[in-house]
Amino acid sequence: MTGGPRFDAFWAALDAVPVADDAEALYSPDSAEGRLRRANLAAYLEHVGAGADTVLVAEAPGWRGMTNTGIPFTSMRELDALGFSVEHPPAPTAPWEASSRVVHAALAGWTGPLPVAWAIFPHHPFVAPDRLTNRTPRPSEVRDGAPVALALLQALQAARDGGARPVRVVAVGRKAQGALALAGIDAVTVRHPAQGGAAQFTEQVRALQR
């Protein structure tokens, strides 16, 4: 399962991103955990990506959420409420992630196709040797991840009716905005929901509804 043939270039770009010693490849087909995340991401793309005209782009996966489920801004707490079939990791590292809760709550009343979420660097960057940490991706890692984001945007645009109205890119936080700028991608920026930004993030995201 890959989310349909229109995402073939996305998967090829994702599989080509180099993995540093202090980063974890989340979607490797060579491990049971990677295959589970891969299946969940494919189901997410098939379900949400069919008509999406907006992409919410974070900086990198966090160890409490996407690193477990394979779905951006989705922790174990949100997994069962997605509305499509997913697999549950047998030994998740955390039961919930604060940012995931805020993002799902902000999108709960969204009218029209839901935005697709993604991370400009698709591997989980951690502070070695502890995988239960997060670090900022290096500029070189952002550049390596940029083709994946571009392939995702192209796949979503191709799925639009006749290519009408370009897919909009929304950076979640200033770090994500800077990462997208490094990749040459223009984006609207909203407040990151962490560290007291939940209310502002929710207000800004809801204002983006077309």
C-alpha atoms as a PDB file:
ATOM      1  CA  MET A   1       0.000   0.000   0.000  1.00  0.00           C
ATOM      2  CA  THR A   2       1.473   3.351  -1.046  1.00  0.00           C
ATOM      3  CA  GLY A   3      -1.454   5.769  -1.233  1.00  0.00           C
ATOM      4  CA  GLY A   4      -1.932   5.203  -4.957  1.00  0.00           C
ATOM      5  CA  PRO A   5       0.354   5.544  -7.996  1.00  0.00           C
ATOM      6  CA  ARG A   6       0.276   9.333  -7.936  1.00  0.00           C
ATOM      7  CA  PHE A   7       2.472   9.129  -4.811  1.00  0.00           C
ATOM      8  CA  ASP A   8       5.150   6.939  -6.426  1.00  0.00           C
ATOM      9  CA  ALA A   9       7.560   9.871  -6.840  1.00  0.00           C
ATOM     10  CA  PHE A  10       6.928  10.859  -3.215  1.00  0.00           C
ATOM     11  CA  TRP A  11       7.905   7.401  -1.920  1.00  0.00           C
ATOM     12  CA  ALA A  12      10.957   7.278  -4.162  1.00  0.00           C
ATOM     13  CA  ALA A  13      12.114  10.666  -2.866  1.00  0.00           C
ATOM     14  CA  LEU A  14      11.426   9.646   0.736  1.00  0.00           C
ATOM     15  CA  ASP A  15      13.429   6.439   0.420  1.00  0.00           C
ATOM     16  CA  ALA A  16      16.356   8.400  -1.037  1.00  0.00           C
ATOM     17  CA  VAL A  17      16.816  10.760   1.941  1.00  0.00           C
ATOM     18  CA  PRO A  18      20.133   9.986   3.709  1.00  0.00           C
ATOM     19  CA  VAL A  19      20.008   8.955   7.373  1.00  0.00           C
ATOM     20  CA  ALA A  20      22.633  10.316   9.779  1.00  0.00           C
ATOM     21  CA  ASP A  21      23.743   8.421  12.874  1.00  0.00           C
ATOM     22  CA  ASP A  22      21.632  10.753  15.019  1.00  0.00           C
ATOM     23  CA  ALA A  23      18.476  10.393  12.924  1.00  0.00           C
ATOM     24  CA  GLU A  24      15.942   7.591  12.641  1.00  0.00           C
ATOM     25  CA  ALA A  25      14.455   6.546   9.294  1.00  0.00           C
ATOM     26  CA  LEU A  26      10.769   6.154  10.111  1.00  0.00           C
ATOM     27  CA  TYR A  27       9.568   4.517   6.908  1.00  0.00           C
ATOM     28  CA  SER A  28      12.197   1.898   6.167  1.00  0.00           C
ATOM     29  CA  PRO A  29      10.646  -1.213   4.592  1.00  0.00           C
ATOM     30  CA  ASP A  30      13.431  -3.243   6.219  1.00  0.00           C
ATOM     31  CA  SER A  31      11.913  -3.187   9.729  1.00  0.00           C
ATOM     32  CA  ALA A  32       8.518  -4.098  11.160  1.00  0.00           C
ATOM     33  CA  GLU A  33       8.234  -0.633  12.722  1.00  0.00           C
ATOM     34  CA  GLY A  34       9.067   1.045   9.430  1.00  0.00           C
ATOM     35  CA  ARG A  35       6.539  -1.041   7.517  1.00  0.00           C
ATOM     36  CA  LEU A  36       3.832  -0.195  10.060  1.00  0.00           C
ATOM     37  CA  ARG A  37       4.511   3.537   9.803  1.00  0.00           C
ATOM     38  CA  ARG A  38       4.687   3.239   6.028  1.00  0.00           C
ATOM     39  CA  ALA A  39       1.294   1.537   5.883  1.00  0.00           C
ATOM     40  CA  ASN A  40      -0.235   4.174   8.148  1.00  0.00           C
ATOM     41  CA  LEU A  41       1.220   7.036   6.120  1.00  0.00           C
ATOM     42  CA  ALA A  42      -0.038   5.444   2.890  1.00  0.00           C
ATOM     43  CA  ALA A  43      -3.531   5.137   4.353  1.00  0.00           C
ATOM     44  CA  TYR A  44      -3.356   8.758   5.483  1.00  0.00           C
ATOM     45  CA  LEU A  45      -2.304   9.983   2.048  1.00  0.00           C
ATOM     46  CA  GLU A  46      -5.023   7.942   0.371  1.00  0.00           C
ATOM     47  CA  HIS A  47      -7.702   9.243   2.741  1.00  0.00           C
ATOM     48  CA  VAL A  48      -6.681  12.868   3.280  1.00  0.00           C
ATOM     49  CA  GLY A  49      -4.606  13.548   0.171  1.00  0.00           C
ATOM     50  CA  ALA A  50      -7.347  12.858  -2.359  1.00  0.00           C
ATOM     51  CA  GLY A  51      -8.665  16.419  -2.436  1.00  0.00           C
ATOM     52  CA  ALA A  52      -6.384  18.419  -0.148  1.00  0.00           C
ATOM     53  CA  ASP A  53      -5.513  21.943  -1.277  1.00  0.00           C
ATOM     54  CA  THR A  54      -3.394  22.858   1.763  1.00  0.00           C
ATOM     55  CA  VAL A  55      -0.277  21.307   3.300  1.00  0.00           C
ATOM     56  CA  LEU A  56       0.746  22.006   6.893  1.00  0.00           C
ATOM     57  CA  VAL A  57       4.520  21.602   7.053  1.00  0.00           C
ATOM     58  CA  ALA A  58       6.323  21.034  10.321  1.00  0.00           C
ATOM     59  CA  GLU A  59      10.076  20.942  10.808  1.00  0.00           C
ATOM     60  CA  ALA A  60      10.656  17.286  11.751  1.00  0.00           C
ATOM     61  CA  PRO A  61       8.929  14.343  13.452  1.00  0.00           C
ATOM     62  CA  GLY A  62       8.815  14.302  17.248  1.00  0.00           C
ATOM     63  CA  TRP A  63       9.500  11.224  19.330  1.00  0.00           C
ATOM     64  CA  ARG A  64       6.107  11.324  21.053  1.00  0.00           C
ATOM     65  CA  GLY A  65       3.898  11.481  17.960  1.00  0.00           C
ATOM     66  CA  MET A  66       4.780  10.905  14.311  1.00  0.00           C
ATOM     67  CA  THR A  67       7.697   8.683  15.282  1.00  0.00           C
ATOM     68  CA  ASN A  68       5.187   6.221  16.732  1.00  0.00           C
ATOM     69  CA  THR A  69       2.289   6.414  14.294  1.00  0.00           C
ATOM     70  CA  GLY A  70       3.959   7.400  11.029  1.00  0.00           C
ATOM     71  CA  ILE A  71       1.301  10.097  10.535  1.00  0.00           C
ATOM     72  CA  PRO A  72       2.323  13.752  10.975  1.00  0.00           C
ATOM     73  CA  PHE A  73       0.887  15.552  13.997  1.00  0.00           C
ATOM     74  CA  THR A  74      -0.756  12.343  15.155  1.00  0.00           C
ATOM     75  CA  SER A  75       0.094  10.604  18.406  1.00  0.00           C
ATOM     76  CA  MET A  76      -1.364   7.416  19.846  1.00  0.00           C
ATOM     77  CA  ARG A  77      -4.187   9.436  21.417  1.00  0.00           C
ATOM     78  CA  GLU A  78      -5.509  10.567  18.017  1.00  0.00           C
ATOM     79  CA  LEU A  79      -4.939   7.346  16.114  1.00  0.00           C
ATOM     80  CA  ASP A  80      -8.371   5.775  16.611  1.00  0.00           C
ATOM     81  CA  ALA A  81     -10.268   8.935  15.677  1.00  0.00           C
ATOM     82  CA  LEU A  82      -8.815   9.273  12.178  1.00  0.00           C
ATOM     83  CA  GLY A  83     -11.745   7.704  10.350  1.00  0.00           C
ATOM     84  CA  PHE A  84      -9.730   5.178   8.361  1.00  0.00           C
ATOM     85  CA  SER A  85      -7.946   1.930   9.111  1.00  0.00           C
ATOM     86  CA  VAL A  86      -4.497   2.169  10.715  1.00  0.00           C
ATOM     87  CA  GLU A  87      -2.100  -0.117  12.548  1.00  0.00           C
ATOM     88  CA  HIS A  88      -1.073   0.344  16.178  1.00  0.00           C
ATOM     89  CA  PRO A  89       2.600   0.077  17.140  1.00  0.00           C
ATOM     90  CA  PRO A  90       3.058  -2.679  19.736  1.00  0.00           C
ATOM     91  CA  ALA A  91       5.396  -0.646  21.959  1.00  0.00           C
ATOM     92  CA  PRO A  92       4.838   3.106  21.504  1.00  0.00           C
ATOM     93  CA  THR A  93       7.325   5.426  23.170  1.00  0.00           C
ATOM     94  CA  ALA A  94       4.622   7.794  24.442  1.00  0.00           C
ATOM     95  CA  PRO A  95       0.809   7.803  24.717  1.00  0.00           C
ATOM     96  CA  TRP A  96       0.298  11.359  23.528  1.00  0.00           C
ATOM     97  CA  GLU A  97       1.879  14.514  22.135  1.00  0.00           C
ATOM     98  CA  ALA A  98       0.627  17.979  23.055  1.00  0.00           C
ATOM     99  CA  SER A  99       1.059  19.472  19.575  1.00  0.00           C
ATOM    100  CA  SER A 100      -0.867  16.608  17.966  1.00  0.00           C
ATOM    101  CA  ARG A 101      -3.837  17.219  20.239  1.00  0.00           C
ATOM    102  CA  VAL A 102      -3.907  20.928  19.368  1.00  0.00           C
ATOM    103  CA  VAL A 103      -3.628  20.337  15.615  1.00  0.00           C
ATOM    104  CA  HIS A 104      -6.425  17.768  15.547  1.00  0.00           C
ATOM    105  CA  ALA A 105      -8.654  20.014  17.670  1.00  0.00           C
ATOM    106  CA  ALA A 106      -8.001  22.988  15.393  1.00  0.00           C
ATOM    107  CA  LEU A 107      -8.963  20.955  12.321  1.00  0.00           C
ATOM    108  CA  ALA A 108     -12.050  19.403  13.920  1.00  0.00           C
ATOM    109  CA  GLY A 109     -14.396  21.995  12.436  1.00  0.00           C
ATOM    110  CA  TRP A 110     -12.598  22.357   9.112  1.00  0.00           C
ATOM    111  CA  THR A 111     -14.940  22.731   6.157  1.00  0.00           C
ATOM    112  CA  GLY A 112     -13.850  21.212   2.877  1.00  0.00           C
ATOM    113  CA  PRO A 113     -10.916  18.848   2.294  1.00  0.00           C
ATOM    114  CA  LEU A 114      -8.649  18.508   5.301  1.00  0.00           C
ATOM    115  CA  PRO A 115      -5.078  19.769   4.949  1.00  0.00           C
ATOM    116  CA  VAL A 116      -2.312  17.218   4.609  1.00  0.00           C
ATOM    117  CA  ALA A 117       0.450  17.496   7.209  1.00  0.00           C
ATOM    118  CA  TRP A 118       4.101  16.737   6.558  1.00  0.00           C
ATOM    119  CA  ALA A 119       7.612  17.414   7.906  1.00  0.00           C
ATOM    120  CA  ILE A 120      10.258  19.086   5.748  1.00  0.00           C
ATOM    121  CA  PHE A 121      12.817  16.628   7.190  1.00  0.00           C
ATOM    122  CA  PRO A 122      11.062  13.238   7.225  1.00  0.00           C
ATOM    123  CA  HIS A 123      13.425  11.336   9.523  1.00  0.00           C
ATOM    124  CA  HIS A 124      13.395  11.719  13.308  1.00  0.00           C
ATOM    125  CA  PRO A 125      16.420  13.787  14.398  1.00  0.00           C
ATOM    126  CA  PHE A 126      17.479  13.058  17.982  1.00  0.00           C
ATOM    127  CA  VAL A 127      20.227  14.013  20.415  1.00  0.00           C
ATOM    128  CA  ALA A 128      22.495  10.970  20.306  1.00  0.00           C
ATOM    129  CA  PRO A 129      22.439   8.484  21.820  1.00  0.00           C
ATOM    130  CA  ASP A 130      18.918   9.051  23.207  1.00  0.00           C
ATOM    131  CA  ARG A 131      16.191   8.423  20.614  1.00  0.00           C
ATOM    132  CA  LEU A 132      13.577   9.733  23.046  1.00  0.00           C
ATOM    133  CA  THR A 133      14.684  13.301  22.297  1.00  0.00           C
ATOM    134  CA  ASN A 134      14.271  15.771  19.453  1.00  0.00           C
ATOM    135  CA  ARG A 135      16.846  18.009  17.824  1.00  0.00           C
ATOM    136  CA  THR A 136      16.647  20.623  15.096  1.00  0.00           C
ATOM    137  CA  PRO A 137      17.478  19.188  11.673  1.00  0.00           C
ATOM    138  CA  ARG A 138      20.651  20.498  10.091  1.00  0.00           C
ATOM    139  CA  PRO A 139      20.446  22.702   6.965  1.00  0.00           C
ATOM    140  CA  SER A 140      21.879  19.805   4.953  1.00  0.00           C
ATOM    141  CA  GLU A 141      19.104  17.524   6.256  1.00  0.00           C
ATOM    142  CA  VAL A 142      16.481  20.082   5.292  1.00  0.00           C
ATOM    143  CA  ARG A 143      17.942  20.240   1.795  1.00  0.00           C
ATOM    144  CA  ASP A 144      17.898  16.445   1.614  1.00  0.00           C
ATOM    145  CA  GLY A 145      14.241  16.373   2.683  1.00  0.00           C
ATOM    146  CA  ALA A 146      13.080  19.136   0.343  1.00  0.00           C
ATOM    147  CA  PRO A 147      12.565  16.855  -2.702  1.00  0.00           C
ATOM    148  CA  VAL A 148      10.114  14.786  -0.641  1.00  0.00           C
ATOM    149  CA  ALA A 149       8.011  17.840   0.196  1.00  0.00           C
ATOM    150  CA  LEU A 150       8.124  18.958  -3.423  1.00  0.00           C
ATOM    151  CA  ALA A 151       7.042  15.499  -4.619  1.00  0.00           C
ATOM    152  CA  LEU A 152       4.159  15.579  -2.154  1.00  0.00           C
ATOM    153  CA  LEU A 153       3.057  18.993  -3.392  1.00  0.00           C
ATOM    154  CA  GLN A 154       3.202  17.798  -6.993  1.00  0.00           C
ATOM    155  CA  ALA A 155       1.161  14.692  -6.180  1.00  0.00           C
ATOM    156  CA  LEU A 156      -1.492  16.721  -4.392  1.00  0.00           C
ATOM    157  CA  GLN A 157      -1.612  19.273  -7.205  1.00  0.00           C
ATOM    158  CA  ALA A 158      -2.045  16.509  -9.771  1.00  0.00           C
ATOM    159  CA  ALA A 159      -5.017  15.197  -7.800  1.00  0.00           C
ATOM    160  CA  ARG A 160      -6.755  18.579  -7.913  1.00  0.00           C
ATOM    161  CA  ASP A 161      -9.555  18.988 -10.411  1.00  0.00           C
ATOM    162  CA  GLY A 162      -7.778  20.097 -13.560  1.00  0.00           C
ATOM    163  CA  GLY A 163      -4.997  21.568 -11.447  1.00  0.00           C
ATOM    164  CA  ALA A 164      -7.319  24.373 -10.352  1.00  0.00           C
ATOM    165  CA  ARG A 165      -6.071  26.572  -7.517  1.00  0.00           C
ATOM    166  CA  PRO A 166      -2.504  25.773  -6.437  1.00  0.00           C
ATOM    167  CA  VAL A 167      -1.898  23.734  -3.317  1.00  0.00           C
ATOM    168  CA  ARG A 168      -1.123  26.138  -0.493  1.00  0.00           C
ATOM    169  CA  VAL A 169       1.854  25.554   1.816  1.00  0.00           C
ATOM    170  CA  VAL A 170       1.541  26.555   5.466  1.00  0.00           C
ATOM    171  CA  ALA A 171       4.627  26.499   7.692  1.00  0.00           C
ATOM    172  CA  VAL A 172       3.896  25.519  11.281  1.00  0.00           C
ATOM    173  CA  GLY A 173       6.298  27.736  13.216  1.00  0.00           C
ATOM    174  CA  ARG A 174       9.239  29.927  12.275  1.00  0.00           C
ATOM    175  CA  LYS A 175      11.673  27.013  12.203  1.00  0.00           C
ATOM    176  CA  ALA A 176       9.530  25.264   9.611  1.00  0.00           C
ATOM    177  CA  GLN A 177       9.278  28.507   7.645  1.00  0.00           C
ATOM    178  CA  GLY A 178      13.065  28.829   7.636  1.00  0.00           C
ATOM    179  CA  ALA A 179      13.423  25.199   6.606  1.00  0.00           C
ATOM    180  CA  LEU A 180      11.000  25.694   3.721  1.00  0.00           C
ATOM    181  CA  ALA A 181      12.824  28.868   2.670  1.00  0.00           C
ATOM    182  CA  LEU A 182      16.072  26.897   2.572  1.00  0.00           C
ATOM    183  CA  ALA A 183      14.295  24.459   0.264  1.00  0.00           C
ATOM    184  CA  GLY A 184      13.041  27.288  -1.948  1.00  0.00           C
ATOM    185  CA  ILE A 185       9.392  26.816  -0.972  1.00  0.00           C
ATOM    186  CA  ASP A 186       7.254  29.872  -0.180  1.00  0.00           C
ATOM    187  CA  ALA A 187       4.789  29.404   2.653  1.00  0.00           C
ATOM    188  CA  VAL A 188       2.255  31.151   4.817  1.00  0.00           C
ATOM    189  CA  THR A 189       3.370  30.894   8.451  1.00  0.00           C
ATOM    190  CA  VAL A 190       1.273  30.115  11.519  1.00  0.00           C
ATOM    191  CA  ARG A 191       2.328  29.935  15.161  1.00  0.00           C
ATOM    192  CA  HIS A 192       3.595  26.566  16.340  1.00  0.00           C
ATOM    193  CA  PRO A 193       1.108  25.078  18.841  1.00  0.00           C
ATOM    194  CA  ALA A 194       3.813  24.202  21.402  1.00  0.00           C
ATOM    195  CA  GLN A 195       5.067  26.387  24.251  1.00  0.00           C
ATOM    196  CA  GLY A 196       1.928  28.435  24.766  1.00  0.00           C
ATOM    197  CA  GLY A 197       1.039  28.829  21.109  1.00  0.00           C
ATOM    198  CA  ALA A 198      -2.096  26.666  21.034  1.00  0.00           C
ATOM    199  CA  ALA A 199      -4.683  29.457  20.997  1.00  0.00           C
ATOM    200  CA  GLN A 200      -2.895  31.533  18.368  1.00  0.00           C
ATOM    201  CA  PHE A 201      -2.227  28.478  16.208  1.00  0.00           C
ATOM    202  CA  THR A 202      -5.895  27.476  16.347  1.00  0.00           C
ATOM    203  CA  GLU A 203      -7.077  30.974  15.448  1.00  0.00           C
ATOM    204  CA  GLN A 204      -4.629  31.295  12.544  1.00  0.00           C
ATOM    205  CA  VAL A 205      -5.355  27.845  11.116  1.00  0.00           C
ATOM    206  CA  ARG A 206      -9.117  28.317  11.243  1.00  0.00           C
ATOM    207  CA  ALA A 207      -8.705  31.630   9.445  1.00  0.00           C
ATOM    208  CA  LEU A 208      -7.082  29.758   6.537  1.00  0.00           C
ATOM    209  CA  GLN A 209     -10.239  27.863   5.582  1.00  0.00           C
ATOM    210  CA  ARG A 210     -11.121  28.578   1.979  1.00  0.00           C
END
